[in-house]
């Protein structure tokens, strides 16, 4: 599109990241603006699970987190053998959802990201019903093969958008010089879709 950028029309299928089960089909348009900014996405999906079933899964995840006898902490999830301790599966699930907002913001037509590992996670105890975690996540950048380290503060309550604040080292070299790339995600929905919360000073 002259003066605006490149627009893509996509049709794709989705699957449950845990079970691999079919999760529905989607139609989307993605505009990558010429100026450096996140892509503009319009998307419509047909889901194989109804909303009530999704809410029930969210609530089960939430109850597992709330019924821990002490704050959740963890390191190197998954471990070097690709294993995730069952007790840490809820925080991994939230890391997948939260880091997707970082990947959405940082991705370009020529750069893509995937969540490689949760380096560390720590739960904060709150007086309200929300759950809150501090993460250090490692993102795998393609095609550069760089590993990007990001700090992520994540807040969630079922029925509310996931709130994500983050800052990332621009690259391995920048991490050594303490350069940071500030940002925050911008989507709305259930635990699978983060919402915008500006500012990374936390």
Protein backbone atom coordinates (compact mmCIF):
# COMPACT_ATOMS: atom_id res chain seq x y z
CA UNK A 1 0.00 0.00 0.00
CA UNK A 2 1.84 3.19 -1.13
CA UNK A 3 2.90 5.45 1.75
CA UNK A 4 1.49 3.01 4.33
CA UNK A 5 3.36 -0.29 4.17
CA UNK A 6 2.73 -3.93 3.31
CA UNK A 7 -0.62 -5.58 4.02
CA UNK A 8 -1.02 -9.35 4.25
CA UNK A 9 -4.17 -11.47 4.11
CA UNK A 10 -3.85 -14.71 6.08
CA UNK A 11 -5.91 -17.84 6.60
CA UNK A 12 -4.56 -20.29 9.20
CA UNK A 13 -5.50 -22.96 11.71
CA UNK A 14 -4.71 -22.86 15.43
CA UNK A 15 -4.05 -25.50 18.05
CA UNK A 16 -4.00 -25.74 21.83
CA UNK A 17 -0.37 -25.18 22.79
CA UNK A 18 -0.59 -27.78 25.59
CA UNK A 19 -2.53 -30.63 24.00
CA UNK A 20 -1.98 -29.99 20.30
CA UNK A 21 -5.75 -30.26 19.76
CA UNK A 22 -7.38 -28.28 16.95
CA UNK A 23 -8.51 -24.91 18.36
CA UNK A 24 -10.19 -23.41 15.28
CA UNK A 25 -9.46 -21.43 12.11
CA UNK A 26 -8.72 -17.76 11.62
CA UNK A 27 -8.82 -15.09 8.93
CA UNK A 28 -6.58 -12.08 9.47
CA UNK A 29 -5.15 -8.98 7.86
CA UNK A 30 -1.76 -7.71 9.03
CA UNK A 31 -0.41 -4.30 8.06
CA UNK A 32 3.27 -3.61 8.67
CA UNK A 33 3.57 0.20 8.67
CA UNK A 34 6.57 1.79 6.94
CA UNK A 35 7.40 3.59 10.18
CA UNK A 36 8.77 1.40 12.98
CA UNK A 37 5.71 0.42 15.01
CA UNK A 38 3.78 -2.75 15.88
CA UNK A 39 1.76 -4.33 13.07
CA UNK A 40 -1.93 -3.45 12.79
CA UNK A 41 -3.89 -6.70 13.09
CA UNK A 42 -7.53 -7.46 12.34
CA UNK A 43 -8.54 -11.04 13.10
CA UNK A 44 -11.64 -13.24 13.19
CA UNK A 45 -11.50 -16.81 14.46
CA UNK A 46 -13.90 -19.72 14.68
CA UNK A 47 -13.25 -21.61 17.92
CA UNK A 48 -13.75 -25.31 18.52
CA UNK A 49 -14.17 -24.59 22.25
CA UNK A 50 -17.05 -22.44 23.42
CA UNK A 51 -16.47 -19.44 25.66
CA UNK A 52 -17.79 -21.24 28.74
CA UNK A 53 -15.25 -24.05 28.29
CA UNK A 54 -12.43 -21.50 27.93
CA UNK A 55 -13.57 -19.71 31.10
CA UNK A 56 -13.64 -23.02 32.99
CA UNK A 57 -10.06 -23.74 31.93
CA UNK A 58 -9.03 -20.23 33.00
CA UNK A 59 -10.65 -20.77 36.40
CA UNK A 60 -8.93 -24.14 36.87
CA UNK A 61 -5.58 -22.50 36.10
CA UNK A 62 -6.36 -19.64 38.50
CA UNK A 63 -7.39 -21.99 41.33
CA UNK A 64 -4.15 -23.99 40.96
CA UNK A 65 -2.20 -20.77 41.40
CA UNK A 66 -4.31 -19.49 44.32
CA UNK A 67 -4.15 -22.74 46.29
CA UNK A 68 -0.35 -22.83 46.55
CA UNK A 69 0.73 -22.86 50.20
CA UNK A 70 3.52 -20.34 49.50
CA UNK A 71 4.46 -17.94 46.67
CA UNK A 72 5.51 -19.72 43.47
CA UNK A 73 9.14 -19.39 42.40
CA UNK A 74 11.01 -21.23 39.71
CA UNK A 75 14.02 -21.21 37.41
CA UNK A 76 14.87 -22.64 33.99
CA UNK A 77 11.40 -23.64 32.76
CA UNK A 78 11.54 -25.91 30.82
CA UNK A 79 14.79 -27.49 32.04
CA UNK A 80 17.64 -28.52 29.73
CA UNK A 81 15.79 -31.76 28.93
CA UNK A 82 12.58 -29.92 27.92
CA UNK A 83 10.68 -30.94 31.07
CA UNK A 84 8.32 -28.74 33.08
CA UNK A 85 7.47 -29.68 36.67
CA UNK A 86 3.67 -30.13 37.00
CA UNK A 87 3.57 -27.51 39.80
CA UNK A 88 5.10 -24.95 37.43
CA UNK A 89 2.75 -25.57 34.48
CA UNK A 90 0.42 -22.65 35.43
CA UNK A 91 3.26 -20.12 35.48
CA UNK A 92 4.55 -21.50 32.16
CA UNK A 93 1.05 -21.09 30.67
CA UNK A 94 0.95 -17.45 31.80
CA UNK A 95 4.49 -16.89 30.47
CA UNK A 96 3.38 -18.15 27.04
CA UNK A 97 0.42 -15.75 27.04
CA UNK A 98 2.36 -12.78 28.45
CA UNK A 99 5.41 -13.13 26.23
CA UNK A 100 3.18 -13.26 23.15
CA UNK A 101 2.47 -9.54 23.65
CA UNK A 102 6.22 -8.82 23.67
CA UNK A 103 6.70 -10.89 20.51
CA UNK A 104 3.78 -9.11 18.82
CA UNK A 105 5.32 -5.72 19.58
CA UNK A 106 8.88 -6.62 18.57
CA UNK A 107 8.12 -8.69 15.44
CA UNK A 108 8.65 -7.20 11.99
CA UNK A 109 8.34 -8.50 8.45
CA UNK A 110 11.87 -9.85 8.75
CA UNK A 111 12.12 -10.72 12.48
CA UNK A 112 10.12 -13.32 14.41
CA UNK A 113 10.29 -14.55 18.01
CA UNK A 114 9.45 -17.62 20.06
CA UNK A 115 9.55 -18.21 23.82
CA UNK A 116 12.67 -20.26 24.51
CA UNK A 117 12.65 -20.43 28.31
CA UNK A 118 11.46 -18.85 31.53
CA UNK A 119 14.78 -18.09 33.18
CA UNK A 120 13.15 -17.14 36.47
CA UNK A 121 9.70 -16.45 37.92
CA UNK A 122 8.53 -15.10 41.26
CA UNK A 123 4.98 -14.63 42.49
CA UNK A 124 3.96 -11.51 44.39
CA UNK A 125 1.35 -11.86 47.13
CA UNK A 126 -1.45 -9.33 46.71
CA UNK A 127 -4.33 -8.34 49.00
CA UNK A 128 -6.85 -8.39 46.14
CA UNK A 129 -7.85 -11.36 43.95
CA UNK A 130 -5.38 -10.71 41.17
CA UNK A 131 -2.31 -12.90 40.66
CA UNK A 132 0.99 -11.15 39.93
CA UNK A 133 4.34 -12.48 38.75
CA UNK A 134 7.79 -11.21 37.85
CA UNK A 135 9.43 -13.12 35.00
CA UNK A 136 12.71 -13.13 33.19
CA UNK A 137 12.02 -14.76 29.83
CA UNK A 138 14.38 -15.65 26.99
CA UNK A 139 13.06 -15.08 23.46
CA UNK A 140 14.61 -16.73 20.42
CA UNK A 141 14.94 -14.23 17.57
CA UNK A 142 14.74 -15.50 13.98
CA UNK A 143 16.58 -15.45 11.63
CA UNK A 144 19.39 -13.82 13.67
CA UNK A 145 19.40 -16.71 16.22
CA UNK A 146 19.93 -14.12 18.99
CA UNK A 147 18.56 -14.87 22.46
CA UNK A 148 16.80 -11.80 23.87
CA UNK A 149 16.31 -11.43 27.63
CA UNK A 150 13.12 -9.66 28.77
CA UNK A 151 11.82 -8.74 32.22
CA UNK A 152 8.05 -9.10 32.43
CA UNK A 153 5.58 -8.10 35.16
CA UNK A 154 2.30 -9.93 34.64
CA UNK A 155 -1.04 -9.40 36.42
CA UNK A 156 -4.11 -11.58 35.82
CA UNK A 157 -7.59 -12.40 37.09
CA UNK A 158 -9.99 -14.64 35.11
CA UNK A 159 -12.49 -12.59 33.14
CA UNK A 160 -10.03 -9.67 32.91
CA UNK A 161 -7.41 -8.95 30.24
CA UNK A 162 -3.90 -10.08 31.09
CA UNK A 163 -1.80 -7.01 31.97
CA UNK A 164 1.84 -7.07 30.89
CA UNK A 165 4.66 -4.59 31.49
CA UNK A 166 8.08 -5.39 30.10
CA UNK A 167 11.49 -4.25 29.05
CA UNK A 168 13.95 -6.19 26.91
CA UNK A 169 17.65 -6.06 26.22
CA UNK A 170 17.92 -5.07 22.55
CA UNK A 171 20.33 -7.97 21.88
CA UNK A 172 23.11 -9.89 23.59
CA UNK A 173 25.63 -7.09 23.04
CA UNK A 174 23.17 -4.46 24.27
CA UNK A 175 22.46 -6.53 27.37
CA UNK A 176 26.13 -6.33 28.30
CA UNK A 177 26.05 -2.54 27.98
CA UNK A 178 22.75 -2.41 29.91
CA UNK A 179 20.80 -1.01 26.95
CA UNK A 180 17.08 -1.66 27.28
CA UNK A 181 14.18 -1.52 24.89
CA UNK A 182 11.09 -0.36 26.74
CA UNK A 183 7.62 -1.44 25.78
CA UNK A 184 4.34 -3.00 26.74
CA UNK A 185 1.86 -5.30 25.05
CA UNK A 186 -1.49 -4.35 23.57
CA UNK A 187 -4.29 -6.88 23.14
CA UNK A 188 -7.51 -7.65 25.00
CA UNK A 189 -9.32 -10.83 25.93
CA UNK A 190 -8.80 -13.74 28.33
CA UNK A 191 -5.55 -15.15 29.68
CA UNK A 192 -4.49 -15.86 26.11
CA UNK A 193 -4.51 -12.18 25.13
CA UNK A 194 -2.55 -9.47 26.98
CA UNK A 195 -3.75 -5.89 27.36
CA UNK A 196 -1.89 -2.64 27.06
CA UNK A 197 -0.33 -1.08 30.11
CA UNK A 198 2.11 1.68 29.21
CA UNK A 199 5.42 2.23 30.92
CA UNK A 200 8.14 -0.16 31.96
CA UNK A 201 9.32 1.44 35.19
CA UNK A 202 8.37 -1.20 37.77
